C-alpha cells in the first residue's frame, strides 16, 4: 500500500472513531450533547442503565410499580443478618445486579453487600428518597435542602442546586440525565455533567416523584391532577382527578398511570384523559404507595383496613376472612403472581396472597415504611427506622 493511501485510510478511520466517541445517543435514539474525549486515551462512555437491577430505583423500576422479578417466598423466612447503615428513617435500598445495596438514611448513603458487610458510608445530608442507579453504577439522589447529586465509593458530586427541595427518588435516563420534581413547582432534567436540559413549571404543587410512562413521556402528580411531560420538557397534557393525589404514580406497560387520591379514589389515567375512576371508600396511608401486580390489580396500604386490593374494574377485593384488620401504612412490593410483602403497623413482615389472605407473617419488631426489596434469590431486604438493614431468607 502506498504511503498516500495509508494516510487517507488512517484519516478516515481516525475520523470515524472520533465521531463515534463524541456522539452520545439519548433514549430517543437521537444525538445528544457531545462529550469531549481526550485524544490518545481510551475513555469509556457509559450508556444505558441495566434493566436487570433487581431494584433499580424507588418503586423498583422507572415505572414505580413496586413489582419484583423474584417471587415472594412460600414459607416464612428467617433473619440472616442485620447491619447498621445509618440513623433514623431508612428508605428502601436500591439493589444492583452485582448484589450491592445502596441505602439512604437520615445520615446519608451507604453501600452494603448481600452478606451484610458495609463497604462504604458517606454523610452527605438528608436524602429525598431511594437512590437511583446511573449508567456507570453510581447512584443519583436528592439532598436537603435543594441539591441533586451523584454518590459513589469515590464520594459526592453535586449536579445542580434547585430553587426547591427534590420530591422523592430521582429518575435516571439511559443517557445519564436525571429527572426530578421539586418544591419549586417544576420538573427538571439535568445531564450527567450538571447542565440543565429543561425546567418545566407546574401550575400546582408537585406531590411526588417523576414516573416514566414511556421512552418519551413522564408523569408527575400535582395537586388533584396528573401532568404528562415530554422528554424535551413540553407539557403534553394535564388531566384533572376527583381529589388530590396521595403518593407517587405507578405506570402500566401500556403507557398509562394509576393514581390513588387522598379520598381513596383509584383512577387510571393517560394523556388523553381519565380511563376510569372508582371510589373505594378506603382512606390510603400517605406513607404507602401503589403496587401493580401481574394480575392487573392495584394495591395500597390503609391504616384502618390493612392492604387494599382493587381489581382492574375498580372493585375492592375482600379476603375470605377479616385477616387484614391490622394497619398497613408502609410501601409494599408485589411479585409477578400477585403476592405482596409488607411491614405492617405492628412491625411484622407479612406476605399476602392476591386475594388478600395472609400467606405468612414474621414478627421482626422493626418499624419501617419502606418497601421490602426482593433479591434475585428471593431474599427479602428490609430497611427500618433506626438505621438498620436486615436480610430475611429461607
Protein backbone atom coordinates (compact mmCIF):
# COMPACT_ATOMS: atom_id res chain seq x y z
CA UNK A 1 0.00 0.00 0.00
CA UNK A 2 1.33 3.41 -0.93
CA UNK A 3 2.07 5.95 1.78
CA UNK A 4 -0.64 8.26 0.35
CA UNK A 5 -3.32 5.53 0.52
CA UNK A 6 -2.22 4.57 4.02
CA UNK A 7 -2.51 8.22 5.09
CA UNK A 8 -6.05 8.54 3.66
CA UNK A 9 -7.11 5.28 5.37
CA UNK A 10 -5.72 6.42 8.73
CA UNK A 11 -7.51 9.75 8.47
CA UNK A 12 -10.85 8.09 7.67
CA UNK A 13 -10.53 5.55 10.48
CA UNK A 14 -9.45 8.22 12.96
CA UNK A 15 -12.32 10.49 11.97
CA UNK A 16 -14.82 7.65 12.33
CA UNK A 17 -13.53 6.82 15.81
CA UNK A 18 -13.69 10.46 16.82
CA UNK A 19 -17.31 10.80 15.66
CA UNK A 20 -18.25 7.57 17.43
CA UNK A 21 -16.63 8.84 20.62
CA UNK A 22 -18.28 12.24 20.51
CA UNK A 23 -21.81 11.18 19.67
CA UNK A 24 -23.89 10.06 22.63
CA UNK A 25 -27.41 8.83 21.93
CA UNK A 26 -30.29 9.54 24.33
CA UNK A 27 -33.34 7.36 24.96
CA UNK A 28 -34.95 8.68 21.78
CA UNK A 29 -32.09 7.39 19.65
CA UNK A 30 -31.16 10.91 18.56
CA UNK A 31 -27.80 12.54 19.01
CA UNK A 32 -27.49 14.27 22.39
CA UNK A 33 -24.84 16.64 23.73
CA UNK A 34 -21.35 15.56 22.69
CA UNK A 35 -18.97 14.68 25.49
CA UNK A 36 -15.33 15.76 24.94
CA UNK A 37 -12.87 12.87 24.75
CA UNK A 38 -9.10 13.41 25.23
CA UNK A 39 -7.11 12.30 22.20
CA UNK A 40 -4.79 9.36 22.59
CA UNK A 41 -6.74 7.94 25.57
CA UNK A 42 -9.35 5.21 25.91
CA UNK A 43 -12.43 6.68 27.58
CA UNK A 44 -15.49 4.55 28.41
CA UNK A 45 -18.71 6.44 27.80
CA UNK A 46 -21.40 4.60 29.77
CA UNK A 47 -24.84 4.42 28.19
CA UNK A 48 -27.96 2.71 29.46
CA UNK A 49 -28.98 1.79 32.99
CA UNK A 50 -29.07 -2.04 33.17
CA UNK A 51 -32.67 -3.24 33.30
CA UNK A 52 -31.74 -6.36 35.29
CA UNK A 53 -31.04 -4.50 38.53
CA UNK A 54 -33.48 -6.22 40.94
CA UNK A 55 -34.49 -2.82 42.45
CA UNK A 56 -33.22 0.00 40.28
CA UNK A 57 -34.90 2.97 41.99
CA UNK A 58 -37.88 3.79 44.22
CA UNK A 59 -40.75 1.55 43.19
CA UNK A 60 -38.31 -0.97 41.74
CA UNK A 61 -38.27 0.39 38.18
CA UNK A 62 -38.76 3.77 36.46
CA UNK A 63 -42.48 2.89 36.21
CA UNK A 64 -42.57 2.82 40.04
CA UNK A 65 -44.96 -0.12 40.06
CA UNK A 66 -43.23 -1.84 43.03
CA UNK A 67 -43.22 -5.11 41.08
CA UNK A 68 -40.37 -7.52 41.80
CA UNK A 69 -38.96 -10.05 39.33
CA UNK A 70 -38.42 -12.61 42.11
CA UNK A 71 -41.30 -14.40 43.86
CA UNK A 72 -42.32 -13.87 47.46
CA UNK A 73 -41.21 -16.98 49.47
CA UNK A 74 -43.84 -19.63 50.07
CA UNK A 75 -42.91 -20.07 53.72
CA UNK A 76 -41.87 -17.57 56.36
CA UNK A 77 -38.13 -16.80 56.14
CA UNK A 78 -35.69 -16.25 58.98
CA UNK A 79 -33.36 -13.34 59.59
CA UNK A 80 -29.94 -13.95 58.06
CA UNK A 81 -28.23 -10.77 59.15
CA UNK A 82 -28.74 -7.19 60.23
CA UNK A 83 -26.41 -4.27 59.51
CA UNK A 84 -26.21 -0.70 60.74
CA UNK A 85 -26.34 1.53 57.67
CA UNK A 86 -27.26 4.94 59.07
CA UNK A 87 -29.51 6.67 61.57
CA UNK A 88 -33.21 7.46 61.75
CA UNK A 89 -35.51 6.70 58.88
CA UNK A 90 -34.21 4.50 56.06
CA UNK A 91 -35.57 4.41 52.53
CA UNK A 92 -35.90 1.20 50.54
CA UNK A 93 -32.45 0.21 49.22
CA UNK A 94 -31.54 0.19 45.56
CA UNK A 95 -30.25 -3.32 44.74
CA UNK A 96 -27.84 -3.77 41.84
CA UNK A 97 -27.40 -6.85 39.67
CA UNK A 98 -23.94 -7.21 41.24
CA UNK A 99 -25.56 -7.67 44.66
CA UNK A 100 -24.84 -4.24 46.14
CA UNK A 101 -27.46 -2.49 48.26
CA UNK A 102 -27.36 1.31 48.30
CA UNK A 103 -29.26 2.60 51.32
CA UNK A 104 -30.23 6.20 52.10
CA UNK A 105 -30.96 7.23 55.67
CA UNK A 106 -31.13 10.47 57.58
CA UNK A 107 -27.34 10.27 57.91
CA UNK A 108 -26.54 9.94 54.20
CA UNK A 109 -25.89 6.99 51.86
CA UNK A 110 -24.20 3.65 52.47
CA UNK A 111 -23.36 0.59 50.38
CA UNK A 112 -23.78 -2.96 51.73
CA UNK A 113 -23.15 -6.29 50.04
CA UNK A 114 -25.57 -9.21 50.27
CA UNK A 115 -23.62 -10.72 53.17
CA UNK A 116 -24.33 -7.65 55.32
CA UNK A 117 -20.85 -6.13 55.06
CA UNK A 118 -20.83 -2.32 54.88
CA UNK A 119 -18.50 -1.36 52.02
CA UNK A 120 -18.69 2.41 52.36
CA UNK A 121 -20.75 5.10 54.02
CA UNK A 122 -20.96 8.82 53.24
CA UNK A 123 -22.51 11.52 55.39
CA UNK A 124 -23.95 13.72 52.68
CA UNK A 125 -27.02 15.28 54.27
CA UNK A 126 -30.67 14.31 54.32
CA UNK A 127 -31.65 12.32 51.18
CA UNK A 128 -35.01 12.72 49.44
CA UNK A 129 -35.68 9.03 48.85
CA UNK A 130 -34.35 5.76 47.47
CA UNK A 131 -31.17 6.18 45.37
CA UNK A 132 -31.41 5.59 41.61
CA UNK A 133 -28.69 3.83 39.62
CA UNK A 134 -26.83 5.70 36.89
CA UNK A 135 -25.35 4.07 33.75
CA UNK A 136 -21.88 3.85 35.35
CA UNK A 137 -23.05 2.19 38.59
CA UNK A 138 -23.18 5.21 40.88
CA UNK A 139 -26.47 6.45 42.34
CA UNK A 140 -28.34 9.72 41.92
CA UNK A 141 -30.15 11.22 44.87
CA UNK A 142 -31.81 14.39 46.07
CA UNK A 143 -30.22 16.03 49.11
CA UNK A 144 -31.56 18.64 51.51
CA UNK A 145 -32.03 21.43 51.10
CA UNK A 146 -32.16 21.67 47.28
CA UNK A 147 -29.41 19.61 45.66
CA UNK A 148 -29.34 16.87 43.02
CA UNK A 149 -26.21 14.78 43.40
CA UNK A 150 -24.43 11.61 42.29
CA UNK A 151 -22.89 9.42 45.01
CA UNK A 152 -20.45 6.52 44.79
CA UNK A 153 -17.48 4.97 46.50
CA UNK A 154 -15.41 7.91 45.28
CA UNK A 155 -17.54 10.47 47.07
CA UNK A 156 -20.19 13.04 46.23
CA UNK A 157 -20.65 15.09 43.06
CA UNK A 158 -23.35 17.78 43.06
CA UNK A 159 -25.07 18.09 39.68
CA UNK A 160 -27.38 21.01 40.41
CA UNK A 161 -28.82 23.25 43.09
CA UNK A 162 -32.52 23.92 42.58
CA UNK A 163 -34.91 26.52 43.96
CA UNK A 164 -36.83 23.89 45.94
CA UNK A 165 -36.32 20.51 47.60
CA UNK A 166 -36.42 17.35 45.48
CA UNK A 167 -39.55 15.22 45.85
CA UNK A 168 -38.83 11.52 46.25
CA UNK A 169 -36.41 9.45 44.25
CA UNK A 170 -34.77 10.81 41.08
CA UNK A 171 -35.43 9.23 37.71
CA UNK A 172 -32.25 8.41 35.76
CA UNK A 173 -32.49 8.01 31.99
CA UNK A 174 -30.27 5.84 29.82
CA UNK A 175 -28.17 8.80 28.70
CA UNK A 176 -27.28 9.52 32.33
CA UNK A 177 -29.52 12.57 32.67
CA UNK A 178 -31.53 12.94 35.88
CA UNK A 179 -35.19 13.99 36.04
CA UNK A 180 -36.67 15.25 39.31
CA UNK A 181 -39.76 17.06 40.53
CA UNK A 182 -39.10 19.72 43.15
CA UNK A 183 -40.93 22.00 45.54
CA UNK A 184 -40.22 24.97 43.29
CA UNK A 185 -43.28 23.70 41.35
CA UNK A 186 -41.18 22.46 38.48
CA UNK A 187 -39.80 19.36 36.77
CA UNK A 188 -36.07 19.45 35.99
CA UNK A 189 -33.90 17.40 33.66
CA UNK A 190 -30.15 17.68 34.22
CA UNK A 191 -27.46 15.92 32.20
CA UNK A 192 -24.61 13.92 33.68
CA UNK A 193 -22.32 16.95 33.62
CA UNK A 194 -24.75 19.15 35.54
CA UNK A 195 -26.14 21.12 32.59
CA UNK A 196 -29.85 21.93 32.68
CA UNK A 197 -31.71 20.36 29.75
CA UNK A 198 -35.08 21.76 30.81
CA UNK A 199 -37.01 23.26 33.69
CA UNK A 200 -40.76 22.94 33.27
CA UNK A 201 -43.04 24.88 35.59
CA UNK A 202 -46.08 23.07 37.01
CA UNK A 203 -49.16 25.12 37.88
CA UNK A 204 -49.76 23.41 41.22
CA UNK A 205 -47.54 21.90 43.90
CA UNK A 206 -45.97 18.58 42.92
CA UNK A 207 -46.99 15.75 45.26
CA UNK A 208 -44.49 13.06 44.39
CA UNK A 209 -41.62 11.80 42.26
CA UNK A 210 -41.46 11.64 38.47
CA UNK A 211 -42.68 8.36 36.94
CA UNK A 212 -41.56 7.19 33.50
CA UNK A 213 -44.57 6.31 31.36
CA UNK A 214 -42.70 5.55 28.14
CA UNK A 215 -39.41 6.35 26.39
CA UNK A 216 -40.67 9.84 25.53
CA UNK A 217 -43.02 10.64 28.41
CA UNK A 218 -43.06 11.25 32.17
CA UNK A 219 -45.93 11.72 34.61
CA UNK A 220 -45.98 13.89 37.73
CA UNK A 221 -48.65 14.06 40.46
CA UNK A 222 -49.57 17.72 41.02
CA UNK A 223 -52.41 18.61 43.35
CA UNK A 224 -55.58 16.95 42.03
CA UNK A 225 -54.09 16.27 38.60
CA UNK A 226 -51.56 14.25 36.63
CA UNK A 227 -49.19 16.24 34.42
CA UNK A 228 -47.66 14.43 31.42
CA UNK A 229 -44.31 15.90 30.35
CA UNK A 230 -42.41 15.17 27.13
CA UNK A 231 -38.75 14.23 27.06
CA UNK A 232 -37.85 17.74 25.93
CA UNK A 233 -39.80 19.35 28.78
CA UNK A 234 -43.01 20.29 26.94
CA UNK A 235 -46.26 19.55 28.78
CA UNK A 236 -48.36 17.21 26.68
CA UNK A 237 -51.43 17.11 28.94
CA UNK A 238 -52.76 17.95 32.38
CA UNK A 239 -55.52 15.59 33.49
CA UNK A 240 -57.77 16.56 36.39
CA UNK A 241 -58.69 13.98 39.06
CA UNK A 242 -61.51 13.77 41.65
CA UNK A 243 -59.16 14.52 44.58
CA UNK A 244 -55.56 15.32 45.47
CA UNK A 245 -53.09 12.55 44.66
CA UNK A 246 -51.93 10.65 47.76
CA UNK A 247 -48.48 9.46 46.62
CA UNK A 248 -46.32 8.58 43.61
CA UNK A 249 -47.96 7.38 40.40
CA UNK A 250 -47.46 3.85 39.05
CA UNK A 251 -47.23 3.36 35.28
CA UNK A 252 -48.61 0.44 33.30
CA UNK A 253 -46.77 -1.17 30.41
CA UNK A 254 -49.39 0.32 28.10
CA UNK A 255 -48.47 3.96 28.68
CA UNK A 256 -50.99 4.93 31.36
CA UNK A 257 -50.70 5.56 35.10
CA UNK A 258 -52.69 4.65 38.18
CA UNK A 259 -53.29 7.34 40.78
CA UNK A 260 -54.83 6.98 44.25
CA UNK A 261 -56.50 10.05 45.71
CA UNK A 262 -56.45 11.05 49.36
CA UNK A 263 -60.14 10.04 49.46
CA UNK A 264 -59.33 6.52 48.22
CA UNK A 265 -60.43 7.07 44.62
CA UNK A 266 -58.45 4.89 42.21
CA UNK A 267 -58.03 6.39 38.72
CA UNK A 268 -56.45 5.07 35.55
CA UNK A 269 -55.15 7.98 33.51
CA UNK A 270 -53.50 8.58 30.16
CA UNK A 271 -52.53 11.73 28.24
CA UNK A 272 -55.95 11.66 26.57
CA UNK A 273 -57.82 11.74 29.90
CA UNK A 274 -59.21 9.56 32.70
CA UNK A 275 -59.95 5.98 31.63
CA UNK A 276 -61.92 5.28 34.80
CA UNK A 277 -62.23 6.34 38.43
CA UNK A 278 -63.53 4.11 41.21
CA UNK A 279 -64.40 5.27 44.72
CA UNK A 280 -63.16 2.56 47.07
CA UNK A 281 -64.16 4.18 50.35
CA UNK A 282 -60.73 3.23 51.73
CA UNK A 283 -58.52 6.02 53.06
CA UNK A 284 -54.93 5.38 51.95
CA UNK A 285 -51.93 5.75 54.22
CA UNK A 286 -49.91 8.66 52.84
CA UNK A 287 -46.67 6.78 53.58
CA UNK A 288 -47.70 3.83 51.40
CA UNK A 289 -47.62 3.56 47.61
CA UNK A 290 -49.23 1.86 44.61
CA UNK A 291 -48.14 -1.67 43.70
CA UNK A 292 -49.25 -3.14 40.37
CA UNK A 293 -49.13 -6.91 40.15
CA UNK A 294 -49.06 -9.03 37.04
CA UNK A 295 -52.71 -9.83 37.75
CA UNK A 296 -53.73 -6.24 36.91
CA UNK A 297 -54.79 -5.43 40.46
CA UNK A 298 -53.89 -2.24 42.31
CA UNK A 299 -52.64 -2.43 45.90
CA UNK A 300 -52.06 0.26 48.51
CA UNK A 301 -51.83 0.49 52.28
CA UNK A 302 -54.54 1.67 54.67
CA UNK A 303 -54.31 2.11 58.43
CA UNK A 304 -57.96 1.18 59.02
CA UNK A 305 -58.39 -1.68 56.57
CA UNK A 306 -54.88 -3.01 56.01
CA UNK A 307 -53.90 -3.84 52.46
CA UNK A 308 -56.42 -2.56 49.93
CA UNK A 309 -56.64 -4.62 46.72
CA UNK A 310 -58.65 -3.25 43.79
CA UNK A 311 -59.19 -5.12 40.51
CA UNK A 312 -58.97 -3.65 37.02
CA UNK A 313 -62.65 -2.62 37.07
CA UNK A 314 -62.32 -0.74 40.36
CA UNK A 315 -63.93 -3.41 42.55
CA UNK A 316 -62.41 -3.86 46.02
CA UNK A 317 -61.28 -7.43 46.69
CA UNK A 318 -62.44 -8.65 50.11
CA UNK A 319 -60.45 -11.50 51.69
CA UNK A 320 -62.46 -14.57 52.77
CA UNK A 321 -61.91 -13.66 56.41
CA UNK A 322 -61.06 -10.48 58.29
CA UNK A 323 -57.37 -11.25 58.14
CA UNK A 324 -56.16 -7.73 57.39
CA UNK A 325 -57.78 -5.67 60.14
CA UNK A 326 -54.26 -4.62 61.15
CA UNK A 327 -52.90 -1.43 59.65
CA UNK A 328 -50.66 -1.28 56.61
CA UNK A 329 -49.07 2.14 56.46
CA UNK A 330 -45.89 1.32 54.54
CA UNK A 331 -44.89 0.79 50.94
CA UNK A 332 -45.15 -2.78 49.67
CA UNK A 333 -43.67 -4.97 46.97
CA UNK A 334 -45.65 -7.36 44.74
CA UNK A 335 -44.40 -10.26 42.63
CA UNK A 336 -45.50 -11.45 39.20
CA UNK A 337 -48.05 -13.85 40.70
CA UNK A 338 -49.75 -11.12 42.72
CA UNK A 339 -48.35 -11.96 46.16
CA UNK A 340 -47.34 -8.95 48.25
CA UNK A 341 -44.88 -8.44 51.08
CA UNK A 342 -45.03 -5.52 53.51
CA UNK A 343 -44.10 -4.46 57.04
CA UNK A 344 -47.37 -3.78 58.87
CA UNK A 345 -48.05 -1.27 61.64
CA UNK A 346 -47.07 -3.81 64.33
CA UNK A 347 -43.62 -4.31 62.83
CA UNK A 348 -44.42 -7.74 61.37
CA UNK A 349 -43.18 -8.78 57.94
CA UNK A 350 -46.29 -10.12 56.20
CA UNK A 351 -46.81 -11.95 52.90
CA UNK A 352 -50.28 -11.58 51.40
CA UNK A 353 -51.92 -13.55 48.59
CA UNK A 354 -53.50 -11.81 45.60
CA UNK A 355 -56.97 -12.29 47.16
CA UNK A 356 -55.97 -10.67 50.46
CA UNK A 357 -55.35 -13.79 52.55
CA UNK A 358 -52.24 -13.91 54.70
CA UNK A 359 -49.66 -16.38 53.40
CA UNK A 360 -47.31 -15.98 56.37
CA UNK A 361 -46.14 -13.40 58.86
CA UNK A 362 -42.96 -12.95 60.81
CA UNK A 363 -42.52 -10.75 63.91
CA UNK A 364 -39.48 -8.52 63.42
CA UNK A 365 -40.07 -5.72 65.96
CA UNK A 366 -38.75 -3.32 63.33
CA UNK A 367 -40.73 -0.26 62.28
CA UNK A 368 -40.50 0.56 58.61
CA UNK A 369 -42.40 2.48 55.96
CA UNK A 370 -40.04 1.48 53.13
CA UNK A 371 -40.94 -1.28 50.69
CA UNK A 372 -39.25 -4.64 51.29
CA UNK A 373 -36.89 -5.38 48.39
CA UNK A 374 -36.75 -8.87 46.88
CA UNK A 375 -33.38 -10.10 45.69
CA UNK A 376 -32.96 -12.39 42.70
CA UNK A 377 -32.72 -15.42 45.03
CA UNK A 378 -35.87 -14.50 46.98
CA UNK A 379 -34.06 -12.87 49.91
CA UNK A 380 -36.11 -10.02 51.38
CA UNK A 381 -34.24 -6.87 52.44
CA UNK A 382 -35.96 -4.54 54.91
CA UNK A 383 -34.67 -1.06 55.77
CA UNK A 384 -36.19 0.16 59.02
CA UNK A 385 -36.30 3.11 61.37
CA UNK A 386 -33.16 3.25 63.47
CA UNK A 387 -30.82 2.99 60.51
CA UNK A 388 -30.74 -0.80 60.08
CA UNK A 389 -30.95 -3.08 57.08
CA UNK A 390 -31.97 -6.73 57.62
CA UNK A 391 -31.98 -9.71 55.25
CA UNK A 392 -34.58 -12.49 55.51
CA UNK A 393 -34.23 -15.75 53.63
CA UNK A 394 -35.19 -19.40 53.69
